[in-house]
PDB file of N, CA and C in Angstrom:
ATOM      1  N   MET A   1       0.840  -1.189   0.000  1.00  0.00           N
ATOM      2  CA  MET A   1       0.000   0.000   0.000  1.00  0.00           C
ATOM      3  C   MET A   1       0.884   1.253   0.000  1.00  0.00           C
ATOM      4  N   ARG A   2       0.488   2.235  -0.777  1.00  0.00           N
ATOM      5  CA  ARG A   2       1.260   3.480  -0.877  1.00  0.00           C
ATOM      6  C   ARG A   2       0.984   4.362   0.323  1.00  0.00           C
ATOM      7  N   ASP A   3       2.010   5.065   0.767  1.00  0.00           N
ATOM      8  CA  ASP A   3       1.816   5.966   1.890  1.00  0.00           C
ATOM      9  C   ASP A   3       1.589   7.392   1.379  1.00  0.00           C
ATOM     10  N   ASP A   4       1.332   8.312   2.318  1.00  0.00           N
ATOM     11  CA  ASP A   4       1.011   9.695   1.941  1.00  0.00           C
ATOM     12  C   ASP A   4       2.147  10.363   1.178  1.00  0.00           C
ATOM     13  N   ARG A   5       3.389  10.077   1.549  1.00  0.00           N
ATOM     14  CA  ARG A   5       4.528  10.671   0.852  1.00  0.00           C
ATOM     15  C   ARG A   5       4.550  10.229  -0.611  1.00  0.00           C
ATOM     16  N   GLU A   6       4.328   8.962  -0.854  1.00  0.00           N
ATOM     17  CA  GLU A   6       4.323   8.460  -2.224  1.00  0.00           C
ATOM     18  C   GLU A   6       3.178   9.079  -3.026  1.00  0.00           C
ATOM     19  N   ARG A   7       2.065   9.296  -2.378  1.00  0.00           N
ATOM     20  CA  ARG A   7       0.922   9.910  -3.073  1.00  0.00           C
ATOM     21  C   ARG A   7       1.207  11.369  -3.435  1.00  0.00           C
ATOM     22  N   ILE A   8       1.892  12.076  -2.539  1.00  0.00           N
ATOM     23  CA  ILE A   8       2.277  13.466  -2.842  1.00  0.00           C
ATOM     24  C   ILE A   8       3.183  13.483  -4.066  1.00  0.00           C
ATOM     25  N   ILE A   9       4.128  12.576  -4.105  1.00  0.00           N
ATOM     26  CA  ILE A   9       5.030  12.484  -5.257  1.00  0.00           C
ATOM     27  C   ILE A   9       4.249  12.112  -6.510  1.00  0.00           C
ATOM     28  N   ASP A  10       3.275  11.209  -6.382  1.00  0.00           N
ATOM     29  CA  ASP A  10       2.424  10.846  -7.531  1.00  0.00           C
ATOM     30  C   ASP A  10       1.731  12.074  -8.102  1.00  0.00           C
ATOM     31  N   ILE A  11       1.198  12.923  -7.229  1.00  0.00           N
ATOM     32  CA  ILE A  11       0.501  14.134  -7.691  1.00  0.00           C
ATOM     33  C   ILE A  11       1.468  15.061  -8.409  1.00  0.00           C
ATOM     34  N   LEU A  12       2.616  15.277  -7.828  1.00  0.00           N
ATOM     35  CA  LEU A  12       3.606  16.155  -8.432  1.00  0.00           C
ATOM     36  C   LEU A  12       4.036  15.625  -9.801  1.00  0.00           C
ATOM     37  N   GLU A  13       4.279  14.337  -9.901  1.00  0.00           N
ATOM     38  CA  GLU A  13       4.676  13.751 -11.182  1.00  0.00           C
ATOM     39  C   GLU A  13       3.557  13.850 -12.215  1.00  0.00           C
ATOM     40  N   ALA A  14       2.318  13.647 -11.802  1.00  0.00           N
ATOM     41  CA  ALA A  14       1.189  13.762 -12.736  1.00  0.00           C
ATOM     42  C   ALA A  14       1.067  15.188 -13.266  1.00  0.00           C
ATOM     43  N   ILE A  15       1.238  16.171 -12.381  1.00  0.00           N
ATOM     44  CA  ILE A  15       1.190  17.571 -12.820  1.00  0.00           C
ATOM     45  C   ILE A  15       2.310  17.842 -13.826  1.00  0.00           C
ATOM     46  N   GLU A  16       3.499  17.364 -13.539  1.00  0.00           N
ATOM     47  CA  GLU A  16       4.626  17.585 -14.452  1.00  0.00           C
ATOM     48  C   GLU A  16       4.393  16.914 -15.802  1.00  0.00           C
ATOM     49  N   ARG A  17       3.755  15.758 -15.801  1.00  0.00           N
ATOM     50  CA  ARG A  17       3.456  15.079 -17.071  1.00  0.00           C
ATOM     51  C   ARG A  17       2.413  15.859 -17.868  1.00  0.00           C
ATOM     52  N   ILE A  18       1.457  16.439 -17.190  1.00  0.00           N
ATOM     53  CA  ILE A  18       0.475  17.291 -17.875  1.00  0.00           C
ATOM     54  C   ILE A  18       1.180  18.506 -18.464  1.00  0.00           C
ATOM     55  N   GLU A  19       2.048  19.123 -17.691  1.00  0.00           N
ATOM     56  CA  GLU A  19       2.739  20.337 -18.139  1.00  0.00           C
ATOM     57  C   GLU A  19       3.553  20.107 -19.416  1.00  0.00           C
ATOM     58  N   LYS A  20       4.060  18.901 -19.612  1.00  0.00           N
ATOM     59  CA  LYS A  20       4.852  18.592 -20.811  1.00  0.00           C
ATOM     60  C   LYS A  20       4.078  18.870 -22.088  1.00  0.00           C
ATOM     61  N   TYR A  21       2.752  18.760 -22.033  1.00  0.00           N
ATOM     62  CA  TYR A  21       1.943  18.877 -23.242  1.00  0.00           C
ATOM     63  C   TYR A  21       1.051  20.118 -23.249  1.00  0.00           C
ATOM     64  N   THR A  22       1.368  21.085 -22.410  1.00  0.00           N
ATOM     65  CA  THR A  22       0.598  22.330 -22.412  1.00  0.00           C
ATOM     66  C   THR A  22       1.272  23.423 -23.236  1.00  0.00           C
ATOM     67  N   THR A  23       2.421  23.129 -23.796  1.00  0.00           N
ATOM     68  CA  THR A  23       3.169  24.167 -24.520  1.00  0.00           C
ATOM     69  C   THR A  23       2.425  24.695 -25.737  1.00  0.00           C
ATOM     70  N   SER A  24       1.578  23.868 -26.331  1.00  0.00           N
ATOM     71  CA  SER A  24       0.818  24.334 -27.499  1.00  0.00           C
ATOM     72  C   SER A  24      -0.473  25.026 -27.092  1.00  0.00           C
ATOM     73  N   GLY A  25      -0.695  25.174 -25.784  1.00  0.00           N
ATOM     74  CA  GLY A  25      -1.842  25.926 -25.292  1.00  0.00           C
ATOM     75  C   GLY A  25      -3.164  25.230 -25.519  1.00  0.00           C
ATOM     76  N   LYS A  26      -4.219  25.996 -25.338  1.00  0.00           N
ATOM     77  CA  LYS A  26      -5.569  25.457 -25.459  1.00  0.00           C
ATOM     78  C   LYS A  26      -5.843  24.959 -26.871  1.00  0.00           C
ATOM     79  N   ASP A  27      -5.285  25.628 -27.868  1.00  0.00           N
ATOM     80  CA  ASP A  27      -5.515  25.216 -29.250  1.00  0.00           C
ATOM     81  C   ASP A  27      -4.990  23.802 -29.490  1.00  0.00           C
ATOM     82  N   GLY A  28      -3.778  23.534 -29.021  1.00  0.00           N
ATOM     83  CA  GLY A  28      -3.216  22.197 -29.155  1.00  0.00           C
ATOM     84  C   GLY A  28      -4.026  21.167 -28.395  1.00  0.00           C
ATOM     85  N   PHE A  29      -4.451  21.537 -27.209  1.00  0.00           N
ATOM     86  CA  PHE A  29      -5.286  20.654 -26.390  1.00  0.00           C
ATOM     87  C   PHE A  29      -6.611  20.357 -27.100  1.00  0.00           C
ATOM     88  N   SER A  30      -7.230  21.376 -27.643  1.00  0.00           N
ATOM     89  CA  SER A  30      -8.543  21.233 -28.276  1.00  0.00           C
ATOM     90  C   SER A  30      -8.508  20.363 -29.524  1.00  0.00           C
ATOM     91  N   HIS A  31      -7.378  20.371 -30.230  1.00  0.00           N
ATOM     92  CA  HIS A  31      -7.305  19.679 -31.515  1.00  0.00           C
ATOM     93  C   HIS A  31      -6.593  18.331 -31.465  1.00  0.00           C
ATOM     94  N   GLU A  32      -6.071  17.957 -30.322  1.00  0.00           N
ATOM     95  CA  GLU A  32      -5.327  16.699 -30.232  1.00  0.00           C
ATOM     96  C   GLU A  32      -5.972  15.766 -29.214  1.00  0.00           C
ATOM     97  N   GLU A  33      -6.685  14.779 -29.722  1.00  0.00           N
ATOM     98  CA  GLU A  33      -7.383  13.841 -28.848  1.00  0.00           C
ATOM     99  C   GLU A  33      -6.431  13.110 -27.907  1.00  0.00           C
ATOM    100  N   LEU A  34      -5.255  12.728 -28.399  1.00  0.00           N
ATOM    101  CA  LEU A  34      -4.298  12.020 -27.547  1.00  0.00           C
ATOM    102  C   LEU A  34      -3.841  12.897 -26.376  1.00  0.00           C
ATOM    103  N   ILE A  35      -3.648  14.166 -26.614  1.00  0.00           N
ATOM    104  CA  ILE A  35      -3.259  15.075 -25.538  1.00  0.00           C
ATOM    105  C   ILE A  35      -4.398  15.204 -24.534  1.00  0.00           C
ATOM    106  N   GLN A  36      -5.620  15.288 -25.019  1.00  0.00           N
ATOM    107  CA  GLN A  36      -6.769  15.356 -24.109  1.00  0.00           C
ATOM    108  C   GLN A  36      -6.835  14.108 -23.226  1.00  0.00           C
ATOM    109  N   VAL A  37      -6.690  12.950 -23.838  1.00  0.00           N
ATOM    110  CA  VAL A  37      -6.755  11.699 -23.075  1.00  0.00           C
ATOM    111  C   VAL A  37      -5.613  11.634 -22.073  1.00  0.00           C
ATOM    112  N   TRP A  38      -4.423  12.041 -22.480  1.00  0.00           N
ATOM    113  CA  TRP A  38      -3.245  12.060 -21.609  1.00  0.00           C
ATOM    114  C   TRP A  38      -3.515  12.923 -20.379  1.00  0.00           C
ATOM    115  N   MET A  39      -4.031  14.110 -20.608  1.00  0.00           N
ATOM    116  CA  MET A  39      -4.258  15.045 -19.506  1.00  0.00           C
ATOM    117  C   MET A  39      -5.388  14.571 -18.602  1.00  0.00           C
ATOM    118  N   VAL A  40      -6.456  14.066 -19.184  1.00  0.00           N
ATOM    119  CA  VAL A  40      -7.560  13.539 -18.369  1.00  0.00           C
ATOM    120  C   VAL A  40      -7.057  12.380 -17.511  1.00  0.00           C
ATOM    121  N   HIS A  41      -6.276  11.510 -18.099  1.00  0.00           N
ATOM    122  CA  HIS A  41      -5.735  10.370 -17.354  1.00  0.00           C
ATOM    123  C   HIS A  41      -4.928  10.839 -16.144  1.00  0.00           C
ATOM    124  N   HIS A  42      -4.076  11.818 -16.344  1.00  0.00           N
ATOM    125  CA  HIS A  42      -3.249  12.290 -15.236  1.00  0.00           C
ATOM    126  C   HIS A  42      -4.055  13.090 -14.210  1.00  0.00           C
ATOM    127  N   LEU A  43      -5.101  13.773 -14.639  1.00  0.00           N
ATOM    128  CA  LEU A  43      -6.002  14.405 -13.671  1.00  0.00           C
ATOM    129  C   LEU A  43      -6.712  13.346 -12.836  1.00  0.00           C
ATOM    130  N   GLN A  44      -7.072  12.238 -13.460  1.00  0.00           N
ATOM    131  CA  GLN A  44      -7.666  11.130 -12.709  1.00  0.00           C
ATOM    132  C   GLN A  44      -6.683  10.584 -11.683  1.00  0.00           C
ATOM    133  N   MET A  45      -5.425  10.479 -12.072  1.00  0.00           N
ATOM    134  CA  MET A  45      -4.396   9.989 -11.146  1.00  0.00           C
ATOM    135  C   MET A  45      -4.258  10.931  -9.948  1.00  0.00           C
ATOM    136  N   ILE A  46      -4.305  12.230 -10.206  1.00  0.00           N
ATOM    137  CA  ILE A  46      -4.235  13.213  -9.118  1.00  0.00           C
ATOM    138  C   ILE A  46      -5.415  13.009  -8.178  1.00  0.00           C
ATOM    139  N   GLY A  47      -6.592  12.852  -8.733  1.00  0.00           N
ATOM    140  CA  GLY A  47      -7.785  12.640  -7.919  1.00  0.00           C
ATOM    141  C   GLY A  47      -7.746  11.348  -7.143  1.00  0.00           C
ATOM    142  N   GLU A  48      -7.224  10.311  -7.758  1.00  0.00           N
ATOM    143  CA  GLU A  48      -7.123   9.021  -7.067  1.00  0.00           C
ATOM    144  C   GLU A  48      -6.144   9.113  -5.899  1.00  0.00           C
ATOM    145  N   ALA A  49      -5.037   9.789  -6.108  1.00  0.00           N
ATOM    146  CA  ALA A  49      -4.080   9.978  -5.010  1.00  0.00           C
ATOM    147  C   ALA A  49      -4.725  10.794  -3.885  1.00  0.00           C
ATOM    148  N   ALA A  50      -5.427  11.857  -4.252  1.00  0.00           N
ATOM    149  CA  ALA A  50      -6.087  12.705  -3.247  1.00  0.00           C
ATOM    150  C   ALA A  50      -7.120  11.912  -2.452  1.00  0.00           C
ATOM    151  N   ARG A  51      -7.845  11.064  -3.140  1.00  0.00           N
ATOM    152  CA  ARG A  51      -8.879  10.241  -2.507  1.00  0.00           C
ATOM    153  C   ARG A  51      -8.279   9.235  -1.522  1.00  0.00           C
ATOM    154  N   SER A  52      -7.034   8.848  -1.751  1.00  0.00           N
ATOM    155  CA  SER A  52      -6.405   7.797  -0.962  1.00  0.00           C
ATOM    156  C   SER A  52      -5.611   8.295   0.240  1.00  0.00           C
ATOM    157  N   PHE A  53      -5.455   9.621   0.377  1.00  0.00           N
ATOM    158  CA  PHE A  53      -4.744  10.141   1.548  1.00  0.00           C
ATOM    159  C   PHE A  53      -5.495   9.801   2.823  1.00  0.00           C
ATOM    160  N   SER A  54      -4.761   9.687   3.886  1.00  0.00           N
ATOM    161  CA  SER A  54      -5.404   9.494   5.184  1.00  0.00           C
ATOM    162  C   SER A  54      -6.188  10.757   5.543  1.00  0.00           C
ATOM    163  N   ALA A  55      -7.231  10.579   6.327  1.00  0.00           N
ATOM    164  CA  ALA A  55      -8.048  11.723   6.752  1.00  0.00           C
ATOM    165  C   ALA A  55      -7.199  12.724   7.519  1.00  0.00           C
ATOM    166  N   SER A  56      -6.299  12.243   8.332  1.00  0.00           N
ATOM    167  CA  SER A  56      -5.457  13.155   9.123  1.00  0.00           C
ATOM    168  C   SER A  56      -4.546  13.981   8.217  1.00  0.00           C
ATOM    169  N   PHE A  57      -4.059  13.393   7.142  1.00  0.00           N
ATOM    170  CA  PHE A  57      -3.220  14.128   6.204  1.00  0.00           C
ATOM    171  C   PHE A  57      -4.024  15.228   5.519  1.00  0.00           C
ATOM    172  N   ARG A  58      -5.234  14.890   5.059  1.00  0.00           N
ATOM    173  CA  ARG A  58      -6.075  15.899   4.400  1.00  0.00           C
ATOM    174  C   ARG A  58      -6.439  17.022   5.364  1.00  0.00           C
ATOM    175  N   GLU A  59      -6.722  16.682   6.620  1.00  0.00           N
ATOM    176  CA  GLU A  59      -7.036  17.714   7.619  1.00  0.00           C
ATOM    177  C   GLU A  59      -5.833  18.595   7.887  1.00  0.00           C
ATOM    178  N   LYS A  60      -4.664  18.000   7.975  1.00  0.00           N
ATOM    179  CA  LYS A  60      -3.437  18.762   8.228  1.00  0.00           C
ATOM    180  C   LYS A  60      -3.147  19.740   7.095  1.00  0.00           C
ATOM    181  N   HIS A  61      -3.513  19.353   5.890  1.00  0.00           N
ATOM    182  CA  HIS A  61      -3.229  20.179   4.705  1.00  0.00           C
ATOM    183  C   HIS A  61      -4.536  20.640   4.070  1.00  0.00           C
ATOM    184  N   ASN A  62      -5.321  21.316   4.859  1.00  0.00           N
ATOM    185  CA  ASN A  62      -6.643  21.758   4.388  1.00  0.00           C
ATOM    186  C   ASN A  62      -6.571  22.952   3.433  1.00  0.00           C
ATOM    187  N   GLU A  63      -5.378  23.432   3.121  1.00  0.00           N
ATOM    188  CA  GLU A  63      -5.223  24.483   2.119  1.00  0.00           C
ATOM    189  C   GLU A  63      -5.417  23.921   0.695  1.00  0.00           C
ATOM    190  N   ILE A  64      -5.407  22.612   0.599  1.00  0.00           N
ATOM    191  CA  ILE A  64      -5.647  21.941  -0.684  1.00  0.00           C
ATOM    192  C   ILE A  64      -7.142  21.623  -0.775  1.00  0.00           C
ATOM    193  N   PRO A  65      -7.781  21.933  -1.888  1.00  0.00           N
ATOM    194  CA  PRO A  65      -9.223  21.645  -2.026  1.00  0.00           C
ATOM    195  C   PRO A  65      -9.462  20.166  -2.364  1.00  0.00           C
ATOM    196  N   TRP A  66      -9.214  19.305  -1.395  1.00  0.00           N
ATOM    197  CA  TRP A  66      -9.281  17.859  -1.615  1.00  0.00           C
ATOM    198  C   TRP A  66     -10.624  17.426  -2.204  1.00  0.00           C
ATOM    199  N   SER A  67     -11.707  17.936  -1.658  1.00  0.00           N
ATOM    200  CA  SER A  67     -13.025  17.485  -2.134  1.00  0.00           C
ATOM    201  C   SER A  67     -13.256  17.879  -3.594  1.00  0.00           C
ATOM    202  N   LYS A  68     -12.761  19.027  -4.006  1.00  0.00           N
ATOM    203  CA  LYS A  68     -12.901  19.434  -5.411  1.00  0.00           C
ATOM    204  C   LYS A  68     -12.053  18.554  -6.327  1.00  0.00           C
ATOM    205  N   ILE A  69     -10.861  18.217  -5.874  1.00  0.00           N
ATOM    206  CA  ILE A  69      -9.978  17.357  -6.666  1.00  0.00           C
ATOM    207  C   ILE A  69     -10.604  15.969  -6.817  1.00  0.00           C
ATOM    208  N   ILE A  70     -11.121  15.449  -5.725  1.00  0.00           N
ATOM    209  CA  ILE A  70     -11.765  14.133  -5.747  1.00  0.00           C
ATOM    210  C   ILE A  70     -13.031  14.186  -6.600  1.00  0.00           C
ATOM    211  N   GLY A  71     -13.791  15.269  -6.484  1.00  0.00           N
ATOM    212  CA  GLY A  71     -14.990  15.438  -7.302  1.00  0.00           C
ATOM    213  C   GLY A  71     -14.666  15.472  -8.784  1.00  0.00           C
ATOM    214  N   MET A  72     -13.585  16.143  -9.145  1.00  0.00           N
ATOM    215  CA  MET A  72     -13.153  16.184 -10.542  1.00  0.00           C
ATOM    216  C   MET A  72     -12.789  14.781 -11.016  1.00  0.00           C
ATOM    217  N   ARG A  73     -12.091  14.046 -10.186  1.00  0.00           N
ATOM    218  CA  ARG A  73     -11.737  12.662 -10.530  1.00  0.00           C
ATOM    219  C   ARG A  73     -12.994  11.839 -10.779  1.00  0.00           C
ATOM    220  N   ASN A  74     -13.989  11.997  -9.928  1.00  0.00           N
ATOM    221  CA  ASN A  74     -15.223  11.234 -10.081  1.00  0.00           C
ATOM    222  C   ASN A  74     -15.927  11.562 -11.387  1.00  0.00           C
ATOM    223  N   ILE A  75     -15.960  12.832 -11.736  1.00  0.00           N
ATOM    224  CA  ILE A  75     -16.576  13.240 -13.001  1.00  0.00           C
ATOM    225  C   ILE A  75     -15.802  12.666 -14.186  1.00  0.00           C
ATOM    226  N   LEU A  76     -14.479  12.779 -14.146  1.00  0.00           N
ATOM    227  CA  LEU A  76     -13.663  12.286 -15.247  1.00  0.00           C
ATOM    228  C   LEU A  76     -13.760  10.771 -15.397  1.00  0.00           C
ATOM    229  N   THR A  77     -13.899  10.084 -14.287  1.00  0.00           N
ATOM    230  CA  THR A  77     -13.933   8.625 -14.305  1.00  0.00           C
ATOM    231  C   THR A  77     -15.299   8.075 -14.682  1.00  0.00           C
ATOM    232  N   HIS A  78     -16.357   8.711 -14.207  1.00  0.00           N
ATOM    233  CA  HIS A  78     -17.688   8.129 -14.357  1.00  0.00           C
ATOM    234  C   HIS A  78     -18.564   8.791 -15.413  1.00  0.00           C
ATOM    235  N   ARG A  79     -18.149   9.930 -15.917  1.00  0.00           N
ATOM    236  CA  ARG A  79     -18.948  10.627 -16.933  1.00  0.00           C
ATOM    237  C   ARG A  79     -18.091  10.915 -18.155  1.00  0.00           C
ATOM    238  N   TYR A  80     -17.411   9.901 -18.602  1.00  0.00           N
ATOM    239  CA  TYR A  80     -16.426  10.089 -19.663  1.00  0.00           C
ATOM    240  C   TYR A  80     -16.995  10.807 -20.879  1.00  0.00           C
ATOM    241  N   PHE A  81     -18.184  10.439 -21.317  1.00  0.00           N
ATOM    242  CA  PHE A  81     -18.744  11.049 -22.515  1.00  0.00           C
ATOM    243  C   PHE A  81     -19.354  12.420 -22.232  1.00  0.00           C
ATOM    244  N   GLY A  82     -19.429  12.791 -20.976  1.00  0.00           N
ATOM    245  CA  GLY A  82     -19.969  14.088 -20.621  1.00  0.00           C
ATOM    246  C   GLY A  82     -18.914  15.078 -20.164  1.00  0.00           C
ATOM    247  N   ILE A  83     -17.651  14.772 -20.416  1.00  0.00           N
ATOM    248  CA  ILE A  83     -16.556  15.644 -19.989  1.00  0.00           C
ATOM    249  C   ILE A  83     -16.536  16.903 -20.848  1.00  0.00           C
ATOM    250  N   ASP A  84     -16.452  18.031 -20.196  1.00  0.00           N
ATOM    251  CA  ASP A  84     -16.369  19.322 -20.879  1.00  0.00           C
ATOM    252  C   ASP A  84     -14.887  19.690 -21.023  1.00  0.00           C
ATOM    253  N   ALA A  85     -14.387  19.661 -22.243  1.00  0.00           N
ATOM    254  CA  ALA A  85     -12.971  19.934 -22.494  1.00  0.00           C
ATOM    255  C   ALA A  85     -12.569  21.329 -22.030  1.00  0.00           C
ATOM    256  N   ASP A  86     -13.484  22.295 -22.105  1.00  0.00           N
ATOM    257  CA  ASP A  86     -13.168  23.650 -21.647  1.00  0.00           C
ATOM    258  C   ASP A  86     -12.936  23.679 -20.137  1.00  0.00           C
ATOM    259  N   VAL A  87     -13.715  22.905 -19.404  1.00  0.00           N
ATOM    260  CA  VAL A  87     -13.531  22.825 -17.948  1.00  0.00           C
ATOM    261  C   VAL A  87     -12.203  22.155 -17.626  1.00  0.00           C
ATOM    262  N   VAL A  88     -11.890  21.084 -18.342  1.00  0.00           N
ATOM    263  CA  VAL A  88     -10.612  20.391 -18.128  1.00  0.00           C
ATOM    264  C   VAL A  88      -9.457  21.348 -18.388  1.00  0.00           C
ATOM    265  N   TRP A  89      -9.520  22.085 -19.496  1.00  0.00           N
ATOM    266  CA  TRP A  89      -8.435  23.020 -19.799  1.00  0.00           C
ATOM    267  C   TRP A  89      -8.349  24.121 -18.735  1.00  0.00           C
ATOM    268  N   ALA A  90      -9.476  24.609 -18.272  1.00  0.00           N
ATOM    269  CA  ALA A  90      -9.465  25.649 -17.240  1.00  0.00           C
ATOM    270  C   ALA A  90      -8.785  25.147 -15.965  1.00  0.00           C
ATOM    271  N   VAL A  91      -9.046  23.916 -15.601  1.00  0.00           N
ATOM    272  CA  VAL A  91      -8.382  23.325 -14.428  1.00  0.00           C
ATOM    273  C   VAL A  91      -6.876  23.258 -14.663  1.00  0.00           C
ATOM    274  N   ILE A  92      -6.492  22.804 -15.846  1.00  0.00           N
ATOM    275  CA  ILE A  92      -5.066  22.682 -16.166  1.00  0.00           C
ATOM    276  C   ILE A  92      -4.385  24.042 -16.140  1.00  0.00           C
ATOM    277  N   GLU A  93      -5.023  25.007 -16.731  1.00  0.00           N
ATOM    278  CA  GLU A  93      -4.418  26.340 -16.853  1.00  0.00           C
ATOM    279  C   GLU A  93      -4.464  27.143 -15.552  1.00  0.00           C
ATOM    280  N   ASN A  94      -5.573  27.051 -14.831  1.00  0.00           N
ATOM    281  CA  ASN A  94      -5.778  27.927 -13.673  1.00  0.00           C
ATOM    282  C   ASN A  94      -5.485  27.280 -12.329  1.00  0.00           C
ATOM    283  N   ASP A  95      -5.767  25.996 -12.197  1.00  0.00           N
ATOM    284  CA  ASP A  95      -5.673  25.357 -10.880  1.00  0.00           C
ATOM    285  C   ASP A  95      -4.398  24.555 -10.665  1.00  0.00           C
ATOM    286  N   LEU A  96      -3.886  23.927 -11.712  1.00  0.00           N
ATOM    287  CA  LEU A  96      -2.717  23.070 -11.521  1.00  0.00           C
ATOM    288  C   LEU A  96      -1.462  23.818 -11.092  1.00  0.00           C
ATOM    289  N   PRO A  97      -1.173  25.012 -11.615  1.00  0.00           N
ATOM    290  CA  PRO A  97       0.040  25.697 -11.146  1.00  0.00           C
ATOM    291  C   PRO A  97       0.015  25.961  -9.640  1.00  0.00           C
ATOM    292  N   GLU A  98      -1.123  26.391  -9.128  1.00  0.00           N
ATOM    293  CA  GLU A  98      -1.238  26.643  -7.686  1.00  0.00           C
ATOM    294  C   GLU A  98      -1.152  25.334  -6.902  1.00  0.00           C
ATOM    295  N   LEU A  99      -1.807  24.295  -7.397  1.00  0.00           N
ATOM    296  CA  LEU A  99      -1.737  22.999  -6.731  1.00  0.00           C
ATOM    297  C   LEU A  99      -0.300  22.493  -6.702  1.00  0.00           C
ATOM    298  N   LYS A 100       0.402  22.645  -7.806  1.00  0.00           N
ATOM    299  CA  LYS A 100       1.808  22.203  -7.870  1.00  0.00           C
ATOM    300  C   LYS A 100       2.641  22.914  -6.805  1.00  0.00           C
ATOM    301  N   ASN A 101       2.454  24.215  -6.674  1.00  0.00           N
ATOM    302  CA  ASN A 101       3.205  24.967  -5.666  1.00  0.00           C
ATOM    303  C   ASN A 101       2.890  24.476  -4.260  1.00  0.00           C
ATOM    304  N   LYS A 102       1.617  24.253  -3.970  1.00  0.00           N
ATOM    305  CA  LYS A 102       1.222  23.798  -2.639  1.00  0.00           C
ATOM    306  C   LYS A 102       1.740  22.392  -2.353  1.00  0.00           C
ATOM    307  N   ILE A 103       1.702  21.534  -3.334  1.00  0.00           N
ATOM    308  CA  ILE A 103       2.198  20.167  -3.172  1.00  0.00           C
ATOM    309  C   ILE A 103       3.701  20.187  -2.939  1.00  0.00           C
ATOM    310  N   ALA A 104       4.425  21.034  -3.662  1.00  0.00           N
ATOM    311  CA  ALA A 104       5.879  21.149  -3.477  1.00  0.00           C
ATOM    312  C   ALA A 104       6.216  21.615  -2.067  1.00  0.00           C
ATOM    313  N   VAL A 105       5.419  22.543  -1.547  1.00  0.00           N
ATOM    314  CA  VAL A 105       5.641  23.023  -0.174  1.00  0.00           C
ATOM    315  C   VAL A 105       5.400  21.894   0.821  1.00  0.00           C
ATOM    316  N   ILE A 106       4.317  21.168   0.651  1.00  0.00           N
ATOM    317  CA  ILE A 106       4.018  20.051   1.547  1.00  0.00           C
ATOM    318  C   ILE A 106       5.160  19.036   1.502  1.00  0.00           C
ATOM    319  N   LEU A 107       5.620  18.721   0.319  1.00  0.00           N
ATOM    320  CA  LEU A 107       6.698  17.748   0.170  1.00  0.00           C
ATOM    321  C   LEU A 107       7.967  18.214   0.863  1.00  0.00           C
ATOM    322  N   SER A 108       8.284  19.488   0.727  1.00  0.00           N
ATOM    323  CA  SER A 108       9.521  19.998   1.343  1.00  0.00           C
ATOM    324  C   SER A 108       9.393  20.152   2.859  1.00  0.00           C
ATOM    325  N   GLU A 109       8.208  20.522   3.340  1.00  0.00           N
ATOM    326  CA  GLU A 109       8.031  20.719   4.790  1.00  0.00           C
ATOM    327  C   GLU A 109       7.865  19.410   5.533  1.00  0.00           C
ATOM    328  N   ASP A 110       7.098  18.511   4.974  1.00  0.00           N
ATOM    329  CA  ASP A 110       6.765  17.272   5.680  1.00  0.00           C
ATOM    330  C   ASP A 110       7.785  16.167   5.508  1.00  0.00           C
ATOM    331  N   TYR A 111       8.532  16.224   4.418  1.00  0.00           N
ATOM    332  CA  TYR A 111       9.364  15.071   4.095  1.00  0.00           C
ATOM    333  C   TYR A 111      10.797  15.447   3.737  1.00  0.00           C
ATOM    334  N   ILE A 112      11.373  16.342   4.496  1.00  0.00           N
ATOM    335  CA  ILE A 112      12.765  16.743   4.233  1.00  0.00           C
ATOM    336  C   ILE A 112      13.695  15.617   4.594  1.00  0.00           C
TER     337      ILE A 112
END
């Protein structure tokens, strides 16, 4: 079973993998199905890691919107044909940079 430290690293790695394919911006995302699938997959991984943290870890780091991340994972996993690509891109563009910064801080403070 993975521990909280491994899950934090999983989230950071998933964000970095998404970032690799954001260089072409929303236009590239909108026109490339493989990039969309890649990014959705890694957003699901982020949500799965968030869902698997211990309750005490989530409470300790309540600056992270865990329920929103988990909710996004649930939508991506269970409503595949109803996914709004504009919402996915907005999360990637607006929310992931801040999440990455917060995750990096948690990793450096908790696991030096």
